[in-house]
Amino acid sequence: YAPRYSPVDDYLWTCRGKWDGHDRIRELARTVPTANPYWEQWFYTWFLAMVSQWSATEFSRYGNAAVPLLISKQGWNKSTFCQSLLPAELQWGYTQTAKPSEEKSMLLMMSQMLLVNFDEFNKISPQVQQGFLKNMLSLPVVKAKRPYGKHVEVMPRLSSFIATTNLTDVLSDPTGSRRFLAVELTGPIDVSHYLSRQYGGAFWDDED
């Protein structure tokens, strides 16, 4: 008799009416130094799509297929930046241990996690990139069997994706890679602030 409960919906509801009109998403994007003139708008659109994905249902028709791909030298705070994109209350929904080669576990992860970071994207083989991964990024819902489940279920897809790499030559699809928003950094990302509180995004705001 326990009612259904969504910690994501509960958190977003507490943020309603608290935004002060300040554009924190593009401000967050500017902490990533790059010469790409489109980066701020790409990140802004992707961030809104990520939050929208959290409210998906089993009847959704579209998924967030865009994936920011941060490219830089090692030690330029890429992984720290990615983890900081979620507020503290939703950090349970972040992971960077995904294995795209394991189809079943990836599908279940897409129905449970909020942000999946493909850390060291260059380790994903060209076969996986052009096959399962390419299709998976566009899925609006997830069809999978839970552990100990008896049948396949249709579950909302909650997760969006981001990726990091230290190499520049990592996209191997000969037909094009429009799903990846590849951005080469010109310097370390500024993580001097606690991003998940100061730059929480358009849907949440720090009362401090």
N, C-alpha and C. Protein backbone atom coordinates (compact mmCIF):
# COMPACT_ATOMS: atom_id res chain seq x y z
N TYR A 1 0.81 -1.22 0.00
CA TYR A 1 0.00 0.00 0.00
C TYR A 1 0.85 1.27 0.00
N ALA A 2 2.17 1.11 -0.11
CA ALA A 2 3.03 2.29 -0.13
C ALA A 2 2.81 3.07 -1.42
N PRO A 3 2.59 4.37 -1.34
CA PRO A 3 2.36 5.17 -2.56
C PRO A 3 3.65 5.30 -3.37
N ARG A 4 3.51 5.54 -4.67
CA ARG A 4 4.67 5.75 -5.51
C ARG A 4 5.33 7.08 -5.15
N TYR A 5 6.65 7.08 -5.14
CA TYR A 5 7.38 8.27 -4.74
C TYR A 5 8.55 8.48 -5.70
N SER A 6 8.71 9.69 -6.19
CA SER A 6 9.83 10.03 -7.06
C SER A 6 10.67 11.11 -6.38
N PRO A 7 11.89 10.79 -5.97
CA PRO A 7 12.74 11.80 -5.32
C PRO A 7 13.09 12.95 -6.27
N VAL A 8 13.11 12.68 -7.57
CA VAL A 8 13.42 13.74 -8.54
C VAL A 8 12.26 14.73 -8.62
N ASP A 9 11.04 14.20 -8.79
CA ASP A 9 9.87 15.09 -8.85
C ASP A 9 9.73 15.88 -7.55
N ASP A 10 10.00 15.24 -6.44
CA ASP A 10 9.90 15.91 -5.15
C ASP A 10 10.91 17.06 -5.07
N TYR A 11 12.13 16.83 -5.54
CA TYR A 11 13.14 17.88 -5.50
C TYR A 11 12.79 19.03 -6.43
N LEU A 12 12.38 18.71 -7.65
CA LEU A 12 12.03 19.77 -8.61
C LEU A 12 10.85 20.59 -8.11
N TRP A 13 9.92 19.94 -7.42
CA TRP A 13 8.75 20.66 -6.90
C TRP A 13 9.17 21.68 -5.85
N THR A 14 10.16 21.35 -5.02
CA THR A 14 10.61 22.28 -4.00
C THR A 14 11.32 23.50 -4.60
N CYS A 15 11.72 23.38 -5.87
CA CYS A 15 12.43 24.49 -6.53
C CYS A 15 11.49 25.43 -7.28
N ARG A 16 10.25 25.08 -7.38
CA ARG A 16 9.31 25.90 -8.14
C ARG A 16 9.19 27.30 -7.53
N GLY A 17 9.28 28.32 -8.39
CA GLY A 17 9.11 29.69 -7.95
C GLY A 17 10.32 30.32 -7.29
N LYS A 18 11.46 29.61 -7.24
CA LYS A 18 12.63 30.15 -6.56
C LYS A 18 13.66 30.77 -7.50
N TRP A 19 13.49 30.58 -8.81
CA TRP A 19 14.47 31.13 -9.74
C TRP A 19 14.37 32.64 -9.77
N ASP A 20 15.51 33.32 -9.69
CA ASP A 20 15.53 34.79 -9.63
C ASP A 20 15.76 35.43 -11.00
N GLY A 21 15.76 34.61 -12.08
CA GLY A 21 15.94 35.15 -13.42
C GLY A 21 17.39 35.21 -13.88
N HIS A 22 18.33 34.86 -13.02
CA HIS A 22 19.74 34.90 -13.38
C HIS A 22 20.10 33.65 -14.18
N ASP A 23 20.76 33.81 -15.32
CA ASP A 23 21.10 32.70 -16.21
C ASP A 23 22.33 31.95 -15.67
N ARG A 24 22.10 30.99 -14.82
CA ARG A 24 23.19 30.23 -14.23
C ARG A 24 23.71 29.13 -15.15
N ILE A 25 22.90 28.70 -16.11
CA ILE A 25 23.36 27.63 -16.99
C ILE A 25 24.48 28.11 -17.90
N ARG A 26 24.27 29.22 -18.58
CA ARG A 26 25.34 29.76 -19.44
C ARG A 26 26.53 30.22 -18.61
N GLU A 27 26.28 30.69 -17.41
CA GLU A 27 27.38 31.08 -16.52
C GLU A 27 28.23 29.86 -16.19
N LEU A 28 27.57 28.74 -15.97
CA LEU A 28 28.29 27.49 -15.72
C LEU A 28 29.07 27.08 -16.96
N ALA A 29 28.47 27.24 -18.13
CA ALA A 29 29.16 26.87 -19.37
C ALA A 29 30.45 27.67 -19.54
N ARG A 30 30.46 28.93 -19.08
CA ARG A 30 31.64 29.78 -19.25
C ARG A 30 32.80 29.38 -18.36
N THR A 31 32.57 28.48 -17.39
CA THR A 31 33.68 27.98 -16.59
C THR A 31 34.51 26.97 -17.36
N VAL A 32 34.01 26.56 -18.53
CA VAL A 32 34.72 25.63 -19.40
C VAL A 32 35.42 26.44 -20.50
N PRO A 33 36.72 26.64 -20.42
CA PRO A 33 37.41 27.47 -21.42
C PRO A 33 37.53 26.74 -22.76
N THR A 34 36.99 27.34 -23.80
CA THR A 34 37.06 26.77 -25.13
C THR A 34 36.95 27.88 -26.17
N ALA A 35 37.49 27.65 -27.35
CA ALA A 35 37.39 28.61 -28.44
C ALA A 35 36.14 28.36 -29.28
N ASN A 36 35.36 27.34 -28.93
CA ASN A 36 34.16 27.02 -29.69
C ASN A 36 33.07 28.05 -29.40
N PRO A 37 32.64 28.84 -30.39
CA PRO A 37 31.66 29.90 -30.14
C PRO A 37 30.25 29.39 -29.86
N TYR A 38 30.00 28.12 -30.12
CA TYR A 38 28.66 27.56 -29.94
C TYR A 38 28.48 26.85 -28.60
N TRP A 39 29.56 26.73 -27.83
CA TRP A 39 29.52 25.91 -26.63
C TRP A 39 28.44 26.35 -25.63
N GLU A 40 28.33 27.63 -25.36
CA GLU A 40 27.35 28.09 -24.36
C GLU A 40 25.93 27.69 -24.74
N GLN A 41 25.55 27.91 -25.99
CA GLN A 41 24.21 27.57 -26.42
C GLN A 41 24.01 26.06 -26.47
N TRP A 42 25.00 25.32 -26.90
CA TRP A 42 24.91 23.86 -26.90
C TRP A 42 24.67 23.35 -25.48
N PHE A 43 25.47 23.84 -24.54
CA PHE A 43 25.36 23.38 -23.16
C PHE A 43 24.01 23.77 -22.57
N TYR A 44 23.57 24.99 -22.86
CA TYR A 44 22.28 25.47 -22.35
C TYR A 44 21.14 24.56 -22.82
N THR A 45 21.11 24.26 -24.11
CA THR A 45 20.05 23.40 -24.65
C THR A 45 20.13 21.99 -24.07
N TRP A 46 21.36 21.46 -24.00
CA TRP A 46 21.53 20.11 -23.45
C TRP A 46 21.11 20.04 -21.98
N PHE A 47 21.46 21.07 -21.20
CA PHE A 47 21.13 21.07 -19.78
C PHE A 47 19.62 21.05 -19.57
N LEU A 48 18.90 21.88 -20.32
CA LEU A 48 17.44 21.88 -20.21
C LEU A 48 16.86 20.52 -20.60
N ALA A 49 17.44 19.92 -21.65
CA ALA A 49 16.97 18.60 -22.08
C ALA A 49 17.24 17.54 -21.01
N MET A 50 18.36 17.67 -20.30
CA MET A 50 18.68 16.72 -19.24
C MET A 50 17.62 16.77 -18.15
N VAL A 51 17.28 17.97 -17.70
CA VAL A 51 16.28 18.11 -16.63
C VAL A 51 14.92 17.63 -17.12
N SER A 52 14.58 17.96 -18.35
CA SER A 52 13.31 17.50 -18.91
C SER A 52 13.24 15.98 -18.98
N GLN A 53 14.37 15.34 -19.24
CA GLN A 53 14.41 13.88 -19.33
C GLN A 53 14.05 13.23 -18.00
N TRP A 54 14.31 13.90 -16.90
CA TRP A 54 14.00 13.34 -15.59
C TRP A 54 12.51 13.16 -15.36
N SER A 55 11.71 13.89 -16.11
CA SER A 55 10.25 13.79 -15.97
C SER A 55 9.63 12.91 -17.05
N ALA A 56 10.43 12.11 -17.71
CA ALA A 56 9.93 11.24 -18.77
C ALA A 56 9.00 10.18 -18.21
N THR A 57 8.12 9.68 -19.05
CA THR A 57 7.21 8.59 -18.69
C THR A 57 7.39 7.45 -19.70
N GLU A 58 6.68 6.36 -19.45
CA GLU A 58 6.76 5.23 -20.37
C GLU A 58 6.08 5.51 -21.71
N PHE A 59 5.46 6.70 -21.82
CA PHE A 59 4.81 7.08 -23.07
C PHE A 59 5.60 8.14 -23.83
N SER A 60 6.79 8.47 -23.35
CA SER A 60 7.61 9.49 -24.00
C SER A 60 8.00 9.04 -25.41
N ARG A 61 8.11 10.01 -26.31
CA ARG A 61 8.42 9.70 -27.71
C ARG A 61 9.84 10.08 -28.11
N TYR A 62 10.51 10.90 -27.28
CA TYR A 62 11.85 11.35 -27.62
C TYR A 62 12.77 11.26 -26.41
N GLY A 63 14.06 11.04 -26.67
CA GLY A 63 15.07 11.04 -25.63
C GLY A 63 16.13 12.08 -25.92
N ASN A 64 16.87 12.46 -24.91
CA ASN A 64 17.94 13.45 -25.06
C ASN A 64 19.13 12.77 -25.73
N ALA A 65 19.26 12.94 -27.05
CA ALA A 65 20.27 12.23 -27.81
C ALA A 65 21.61 12.97 -27.89
N ALA A 66 21.68 14.21 -27.42
CA ALA A 66 22.93 14.98 -27.47
C ALA A 66 23.86 14.59 -26.33
N VAL A 67 25.15 14.57 -26.61
CA VAL A 67 26.15 14.19 -25.61
C VAL A 67 27.32 15.17 -25.68
N PRO A 68 27.48 16.08 -24.71
CA PRO A 68 28.69 16.91 -24.68
C PRO A 68 29.92 16.04 -24.50
N LEU A 69 30.93 16.26 -25.32
CA LEU A 69 32.17 15.50 -25.25
C LEU A 69 33.30 16.48 -24.97
N LEU A 70 33.82 16.45 -23.74
CA LEU A 70 34.88 17.38 -23.32
C LEU A 70 36.24 16.75 -23.61
N ILE A 71 37.06 17.48 -24.38
CA ILE A 71 38.36 16.97 -24.81
C ILE A 71 39.45 17.89 -24.27
N SER A 72 40.41 17.29 -23.56
CA SER A 72 41.50 18.11 -23.02
C SER A 72 42.62 17.21 -22.52
N LYS A 73 43.66 17.85 -22.05
CA LYS A 73 44.73 17.13 -21.38
C LYS A 73 44.22 16.53 -20.08
N GLN A 74 44.97 15.58 -19.57
CA GLN A 74 44.61 14.97 -18.29
C GLN A 74 44.78 15.98 -17.16
N GLY A 75 43.87 15.92 -16.19
CA GLY A 75 43.97 16.77 -15.02
C GLY A 75 43.36 18.14 -15.17
N TRP A 76 42.51 18.34 -16.16
CA TRP A 76 41.87 19.64 -16.38
C TRP A 76 40.45 19.68 -15.82
N ASN A 77 40.15 18.87 -14.85
CA ASN A 77 38.92 18.91 -14.05
C ASN A 77 37.65 18.53 -14.83
N LYS A 78 37.79 17.73 -15.86
CA LYS A 78 36.61 17.35 -16.65
C LYS A 78 35.64 16.51 -15.84
N SER A 79 36.13 15.49 -15.17
CA SER A 79 35.25 14.61 -14.39
C SER A 79 34.63 15.34 -13.20
N THR A 80 35.41 16.21 -12.57
CA THR A 80 34.88 17.00 -11.46
C THR A 80 33.73 17.88 -11.92
N PHE A 81 33.90 18.49 -13.07
CA PHE A 81 32.85 19.34 -13.65
C PHE A 81 31.58 18.52 -13.90
N CYS A 82 31.73 17.35 -14.50
CA CYS A 82 30.57 16.52 -14.82
C CYS A 82 29.80 16.12 -13.57
N GLN A 83 30.51 15.70 -12.54
CA GLN A 83 29.84 15.27 -11.32
C GLN A 83 29.13 16.43 -10.64
N SER A 84 29.67 17.62 -10.78
CA SER A 84 29.10 18.79 -10.12
C SER A 84 27.84 19.31 -10.80
N LEU A 85 27.46 18.74 -11.93
CA LEU A 85 26.27 19.23 -12.64
C LEU A 85 24.98 18.90 -11.90
N LEU A 86 25.00 17.90 -11.04
CA LEU A 86 23.81 17.55 -10.26
C LEU A 86 23.90 18.17 -8.88
N PRO A 87 22.78 18.66 -8.35
CA PRO A 87 22.78 19.20 -6.98
C PRO A 87 23.04 18.10 -5.98
N ALA A 88 23.41 18.48 -4.78
CA ALA A 88 23.78 17.50 -3.77
C ALA A 88 22.67 16.50 -3.50
N GLU A 89 21.42 16.95 -3.55
CA GLU A 89 20.28 16.08 -3.26
C GLU A 89 20.09 14.98 -4.31
N LEU A 90 20.68 15.17 -5.49
CA LEU A 90 20.50 14.19 -6.57
C LEU A 90 21.81 13.52 -6.98
N GLN A 91 22.84 13.63 -6.15
CA GLN A 91 24.12 13.03 -6.49
C GLN A 91 24.06 11.51 -6.63
N TRP A 92 23.08 10.90 -6.00
CA TRP A 92 22.92 9.44 -6.14
C TRP A 92 22.67 9.06 -7.60
N GLY A 93 22.21 10.02 -8.41
CA GLY A 93 21.86 9.73 -9.80
C GLY A 93 23.01 9.92 -10.77
N TYR A 94 24.24 10.12 -10.27
CA TYR A 94 25.40 10.31 -11.14
C TYR A 94 26.28 9.06 -11.13
N THR A 95 26.79 8.69 -12.28
CA THR A 95 27.75 7.59 -12.34
C THR A 95 28.72 7.80 -13.48
N GLN A 96 29.93 7.30 -13.33
CA GLN A 96 30.91 7.32 -14.41
C GLN A 96 31.54 5.94 -14.57
N THR A 97 30.79 4.93 -14.16
CA THR A 97 31.27 3.54 -14.25
C THR A 97 30.47 2.74 -15.28
N ALA A 98 29.77 3.43 -16.17
CA ALA A 98 28.95 2.73 -17.16
C ALA A 98 29.83 1.96 -18.15
N LYS A 99 29.32 0.81 -18.60
CA LYS A 99 30.02 0.01 -19.60
C LYS A 99 29.09 -0.20 -20.79
N PRO A 100 29.23 0.64 -21.82
CA PRO A 100 28.33 0.55 -22.98
C PRO A 100 28.34 -0.81 -23.67
N SER A 101 29.40 -1.58 -23.49
CA SER A 101 29.47 -2.89 -24.13
C SER A 101 28.52 -3.90 -23.47
N GLU A 102 28.03 -3.60 -22.26
CA GLU A 102 27.11 -4.49 -21.55
C GLU A 102 25.70 -3.96 -21.71
N GLU A 103 25.01 -4.45 -22.72
CA GLU A 103 23.73 -3.88 -23.13
C GLU A 103 22.68 -3.92 -22.03
N LYS A 104 22.52 -5.03 -21.37
CA LYS A 104 21.46 -5.16 -20.36
C LYS A 104 21.68 -4.20 -19.20
N SER A 105 22.91 -4.13 -18.69
CA SER A 105 23.18 -3.25 -17.55
C SER A 105 23.03 -1.79 -17.94
N MET A 106 23.38 -1.44 -19.20
CA MET A 106 23.23 -0.07 -19.65
C MET A 106 21.76 0.33 -19.73
N LEU A 107 20.92 -0.55 -20.23
CA LEU A 107 19.50 -0.24 -20.34
C LEU A 107 18.88 -0.02 -18.96
N LEU A 108 19.23 -0.88 -18.01
CA LEU A 108 18.71 -0.71 -16.65
C LEU A 108 19.23 0.59 -16.03
N MET A 109 20.49 0.92 -16.29
CA MET A 109 21.07 2.15 -15.76
C MET A 109 20.35 3.38 -16.30
N MET A 110 19.92 3.31 -17.55
CA MET A 110 19.22 4.44 -18.15
C MET A 110 17.87 4.71 -17.50
N SER A 111 17.31 3.70 -16.86
CA SER A 111 16.03 3.87 -16.18
C SER A 111 16.19 4.24 -14.71
N GLN A 112 17.43 4.29 -14.22
CA GLN A 112 17.67 4.51 -12.80
C GLN A 112 18.54 5.73 -12.51
N MET A 113 19.50 6.03 -13.40
CA MET A 113 20.44 7.12 -13.16
C MET A 113 19.98 8.38 -13.88
N LEU A 114 20.46 9.54 -13.43
CA LEU A 114 20.08 10.82 -14.01
C LEU A 114 21.13 11.36 -14.98
N LEU A 115 22.39 11.11 -14.71
CA LEU A 115 23.47 11.58 -15.57
C LEU A 115 24.56 10.51 -15.61
N VAL A 116 24.87 10.04 -16.80
CA VAL A 116 25.90 9.03 -17.00
C VAL A 116 27.08 9.67 -17.72
N ASN A 117 28.24 9.59 -17.11
CA ASN A 117 29.46 10.14 -17.69
C ASN A 117 30.29 9.01 -18.29
N PHE A 118 30.47 9.05 -19.61
CA PHE A 118 31.37 8.10 -20.25
C PHE A 118 32.79 8.64 -20.08
N ASP A 119 33.35 8.36 -18.92
CA ASP A 119 34.70 8.83 -18.62
C ASP A 119 35.70 8.06 -19.47
N GLU A 120 36.68 8.76 -20.03
CA GLU A 120 37.66 8.17 -20.95
C GLU A 120 36.93 7.49 -22.11
N PHE A 121 36.22 8.32 -22.87
CA PHE A 121 35.39 7.86 -23.97
C PHE A 121 36.20 7.08 -25.01
N ASN A 122 37.48 7.36 -25.10
CA ASN A 122 38.32 6.70 -26.10
C ASN A 122 38.43 5.20 -25.88
N LYS A 123 38.03 4.72 -24.70
CA LYS A 123 38.10 3.29 -24.43
C LYS A 123 36.93 2.51 -25.03
N ILE A 124 35.90 3.23 -25.51
CA ILE A 124 34.76 2.56 -26.12
C ILE A 124 35.13 2.18 -27.55
N SER A 125 34.97 0.94 -27.89
CA SER A 125 35.40 0.45 -29.20
C SER A 125 34.55 1.04 -30.32
N PRO A 126 35.10 1.14 -31.53
CA PRO A 126 34.34 1.65 -32.68
C PRO A 126 33.08 0.83 -32.95
N GLN A 127 33.15 -0.48 -32.71
CA GLN A 127 31.99 -1.34 -32.94
C GLN A 127 30.84 -0.97 -32.02
N VAL A 128 31.14 -0.70 -30.75
CA VAL A 128 30.11 -0.32 -29.79
C VAL A 128 29.58 1.07 -30.12
N GLN A 129 30.48 1.99 -30.50
CA GLN A 129 30.05 3.35 -30.86
C GLN A 129 29.05 3.34 -32.00
N GLN A 130 29.33 2.56 -33.03
CA GLN A 130 28.51 2.58 -34.23
C GLN A 130 27.29 1.67 -34.12
N GLY A 131 27.26 0.82 -33.12
CA GLY A 131 26.15 -0.11 -32.96
C GLY A 131 25.22 0.27 -31.82
N PHE A 132 25.37 -0.41 -30.71
CA PHE A 132 24.45 -0.24 -29.59
C PHE A 132 24.42 1.17 -29.05
N LEU A 133 25.59 1.80 -28.88
CA LEU A 133 25.64 3.13 -28.28
C LEU A 133 24.89 4.15 -29.13
N LYS A 134 25.07 4.11 -30.44
CA LYS A 134 24.40 5.05 -31.33
C LYS A 134 22.89 4.94 -31.22
N ASN A 135 22.39 3.72 -31.13
CA ASN A 135 20.95 3.50 -31.00
C ASN A 135 20.45 3.87 -29.61
N MET A 136 21.23 3.55 -28.60
CA MET A 136 20.82 3.76 -27.22
C MET A 136 20.59 5.23 -26.90
N LEU A 137 21.41 6.12 -27.48
CA LEU A 137 21.31 7.53 -27.17
C LEU A 137 19.98 8.14 -27.59
N SER A 138 19.30 7.53 -28.53
CA SER A 138 18.05 8.07 -29.03
C SER A 138 16.82 7.45 -28.40
N LEU A 139 17.00 6.47 -27.54
CA LEU A 139 15.84 5.76 -26.99
C LEU A 139 14.99 6.68 -26.11
N PRO A 140 13.66 6.72 -26.33
CA PRO A 140 12.78 7.51 -25.46
C PRO A 140 12.37 6.74 -24.21
N VAL A 141 12.32 5.41 -24.31
CA VAL A 141 11.98 4.56 -23.18
C VAL A 141 12.94 3.38 -23.17
N VAL A 142 12.90 2.61 -22.10
CA VAL A 142 13.79 1.47 -21.94
C VAL A 142 12.96 0.20 -21.82
N LYS A 143 13.32 -0.81 -22.56
CA LYS A 143 12.67 -2.11 -22.47
C LYS A 143 13.70 -3.12 -21.99
N ALA A 144 13.51 -3.59 -20.76
CA ALA A 144 14.49 -4.49 -20.17
C ALA A 144 13.82 -5.33 -19.08
N LYS A 145 14.50 -6.39 -18.70
CA LYS A 145 14.02 -7.25 -17.62
C LYS A 145 14.86 -7.00 -16.38
N ARG A 146 14.20 -6.65 -15.30
CA ARG A 146 14.91 -6.40 -14.05
C ARG A 146 15.51 -7.70 -13.50
N PRO A 147 16.52 -7.58 -12.63
CA PRO A 147 17.04 -8.78 -11.97
C PRO A 147 15.91 -9.53 -11.24
N TYR A 148 15.83 -10.82 -11.45
CA TYR A 148 14.78 -11.69 -10.90
C TYR A 148 13.40 -11.42 -11.50
N GLY A 149 13.35 -10.55 -12.50
CA GLY A 149 12.09 -10.29 -13.16
C GLY A 149 11.69 -11.45 -14.06
N LYS A 150 10.38 -11.56 -14.33
CA LYS A 150 9.87 -12.66 -15.14
C LYS A 150 9.54 -12.24 -16.57
N HIS A 151 9.50 -10.93 -16.83
CA HIS A 151 9.17 -10.48 -18.17
C HIS A 151 9.80 -9.12 -18.43
N VAL A 152 9.87 -8.74 -19.68
CA VAL A 152 10.43 -7.46 -20.08
C VAL A 152 9.44 -6.33 -19.73
N GLU A 153 9.96 -5.25 -19.16
CA GLU A 153 9.14 -4.11 -18.78
C GLU A 153 9.49 -2.89 -19.62
N VAL A 154 8.52 -2.02 -19.80
CA VAL A 154 8.75 -0.73 -20.44
C VAL A 154 8.90 0.31 -19.34
N MET A 155 10.07 0.93 -19.25
CA MET A 155 10.37 1.87 -18.17
C MET A 155 10.78 3.22 -18.75
N PRO A 156 10.47 4.31 -18.06
CA PRO A 156 10.92 5.62 -18.53
C PRO A 156 12.44 5.69 -18.55
N ARG A 157 12.98 6.34 -19.55
CA ARG A 157 14.40 6.62 -19.57
C ARG A 157 14.63 7.93 -18.85
N LEU A 158 15.45 7.92 -17.80
CA LEU A 158 15.72 9.12 -17.02
C LEU A 158 17.07 9.75 -17.36
N SER A 159 18.00 8.97 -17.81
CA SER A 159 19.39 9.43 -17.91
C SER A 159 19.68 10.22 -19.17
N SER A 160 20.58 11.19 -19.01
CA SER A 160 21.24 11.85 -20.12
C SER A 160 22.72 11.51 -20.02
N PHE A 161 23.48 11.90 -21.04
CA PHE A 161 24.87 11.46 -21.10
C PHE A 161 25.82 12.63 -21.34
N ILE A 162 27.03 12.48 -20.80
CA ILE A 162 28.12 13.40 -21.04
C ILE A 162 29.37 12.54 -21.14
N ALA A 163 30.43 13.03 -21.78
CA ALA A 163 31.62 12.21 -21.97
C ALA A 163 32.88 13.06 -21.87
N THR A 164 33.98 12.40 -21.52
CA THR A 164 35.27 13.08 -21.43
C THR A 164 36.34 12.20 -22.07
N THR A 165 37.38 12.84 -22.57
CA THR A 165 38.50 12.09 -23.15
C THR A 165 39.74 12.97 -23.17
N ASN A 166 40.91 12.32 -23.21
CA ASN A 166 42.17 13.04 -23.32
C ASN A 166 42.70 13.04 -24.75
N LEU A 167 41.97 12.38 -25.66
CA LEU A 167 42.40 12.25 -27.04
C LEU A 167 41.46 13.01 -27.96
N THR A 168 41.96 13.46 -29.09
CA THR A 168 41.13 14.23 -30.02
C THR A 168 40.49 13.35 -31.09
N ASP A 169 41.07 12.21 -31.37
CA ASP A 169 40.57 11.35 -32.45
C ASP A 169 39.84 10.15 -31.84
N VAL A 170 38.58 10.36 -31.43
CA VAL A 170 37.86 9.30 -30.71
C VAL A 170 36.54 8.91 -31.37
N LEU A 171 35.99 9.75 -32.25
CA LEU A 171 34.72 9.44 -32.89
C LEU A 171 34.99 8.65 -34.17
N SER A 172 34.41 7.47 -34.25
CA SER A 172 34.78 6.55 -35.33
C SER A 172 33.66 6.27 -36.33
N ASP A 173 32.49 6.88 -36.15
CA ASP A 173 31.37 6.59 -37.03
C ASP A 173 31.56 7.27 -38.39
N PRO A 174 31.72 6.50 -39.49
CA PRO A 174 31.95 7.13 -40.80
C PRO A 174 30.73 7.86 -41.34
N THR A 175 29.55 7.60 -40.80
CA THR A 175 28.34 8.27 -41.28
C THR A 175 28.10 9.60 -40.58
N GLY A 176 28.94 9.94 -39.61
CA GLY A 176 28.78 11.20 -38.89
C GLY A 176 28.45 10.96 -37.43
N SER A 177 28.72 11.95 -36.60
CA SER A 177 28.50 11.82 -35.15
C SER A 177 27.77 13.05 -34.64
N ARG A 178 26.60 13.32 -35.21
CA ARG A 178 25.85 14.52 -34.84
C ARG A 178 25.36 14.49 -33.41
N ARG A 179 25.35 13.33 -32.77
CA ARG A 179 24.88 13.24 -31.40
C ARG A 179 25.90 13.80 -30.40
N PHE A 180 27.16 13.88 -30.81
CA PHE A 180 28.22 14.31 -29.89
C PHE A 180 28.58 15.77 -30.13
N LEU A 181 28.55 16.55 -29.05
CA LEU A 181 28.91 17.96 -29.08
C LEU A 181 30.37 18.07 -28.62
N ALA A 182 31.29 17.81 -29.53
CA ALA A 182 32.70 17.75 -29.17
C ALA A 182 33.26 19.15 -28.96
N VAL A 183 33.87 19.35 -27.80
CA VAL A 183 34.43 20.65 -27.43
C VAL A 183 35.85 20.45 -26.89
N GLU A 184 36.82 21.10 -27.53
CA GLU A 184 38.20 20.99 -27.08
C GLU A 184 38.51 22.14 -26.14
N LEU A 185 38.98 21.82 -24.94
CA LEU A 185 39.28 22.83 -23.93
C LEU A 185 40.60 23.52 -24.22
N THR A 186 40.68 24.79 -23.85
CA THR A 186 41.91 25.55 -24.01
C THR A 186 42.63 25.75 -22.67
N GLY A 187 42.03 25.26 -21.61
CA GLY A 187 42.63 25.38 -20.28
C GLY A 187 41.81 24.59 -19.28
N PRO A 188 42.26 24.47 -18.03
CA PRO A 188 41.52 23.73 -17.01
C PRO A 188 40.17 24.38 -16.70
N ILE A 189 39.18 23.56 -16.39
CA ILE A 189 37.87 24.05 -16.01
C ILE A 189 37.95 24.66 -14.62
N ASP A 190 37.28 25.78 -14.44
CA ASP A 190 37.28 26.47 -13.15
C ASP A 190 36.30 25.77 -12.21
N VAL A 191 36.81 25.02 -11.25
CA VAL A 191 35.97 24.34 -10.27
C VAL A 191 36.26 24.89 -8.87
N SER A 192 36.63 26.16 -8.81
CA SER A 192 36.96 26.78 -7.53
C SER A 192 35.72 26.95 -6.65
N HIS A 193 34.54 26.95 -7.28
CA HIS A 193 33.30 27.04 -6.53
C HIS A 193 32.67 25.67 -6.43
N TYR A 194 31.83 25.50 -5.45
CA TYR A 194 31.07 24.25 -5.33
C TYR A 194 29.91 24.34 -6.32
N LEU A 195 30.14 23.83 -7.54
CA LEU A 195 29.24 24.08 -8.66
C LEU A 195 27.82 23.59 -8.40
N SER A 196 27.66 22.44 -7.75
CA SER A 196 26.32 21.88 -7.62
C SER A 196 25.41 22.73 -6.76
N ARG A 197 25.98 23.70 -6.00
CA ARG A 197 25.14 24.60 -5.23
C ARG A 197 25.09 25.98 -5.88
N GLN A 198 26.23 26.47 -6.34
CA GLN A 198 26.25 27.83 -6.87
C GLN A 198 25.65 27.92 -8.26
N TYR A 199 25.88 26.87 -9.07
CA TYR A 199 25.40 26.89 -10.44
C TYR A 199 24.40 25.77 -10.68
N GLY A 200 23.41 25.64 -9.82
CA GLY A 200 22.48 24.52 -9.91
C GLY A 200 21.67 24.47 -11.17
N GLY A 201 21.48 25.55 -11.89
CA GLY A 201 20.74 25.49 -13.13
C GLY A 201 19.46 26.29 -13.08
N ALA A 202 18.69 26.22 -14.13
CA ALA A 202 17.51 27.04 -14.28
C ALA A 202 16.36 26.58 -13.39
N PHE A 203 16.41 25.32 -12.91
CA PHE A 203 15.28 24.78 -12.18
C PHE A 203 15.50 24.77 -10.68
N TRP A 204 16.70 25.11 -10.23
CA TRP A 204 16.94 25.17 -8.80
C TRP A 204 17.85 26.36 -8.50
N ASP A 205 17.78 26.81 -7.28
CA ASP A 205 18.56 28.00 -6.91
C ASP A 205 18.99 27.86 -5.47
N ASP A 206 20.16 28.34 -5.15
CA ASP A 206 20.68 28.30 -3.80
C ASP A 206 20.18 29.51 -3.02
N GLU A 207 19.53 29.29 -1.91
CA GLU A 207 18.95 30.39 -1.13
C GLU A 207 20.01 31.24 -0.48
N ASP A 208 21.26 30.75 -0.43
CA ASP A 208 22.33 31.55 0.14
C ASP A 208 22.74 32.67 -0.81
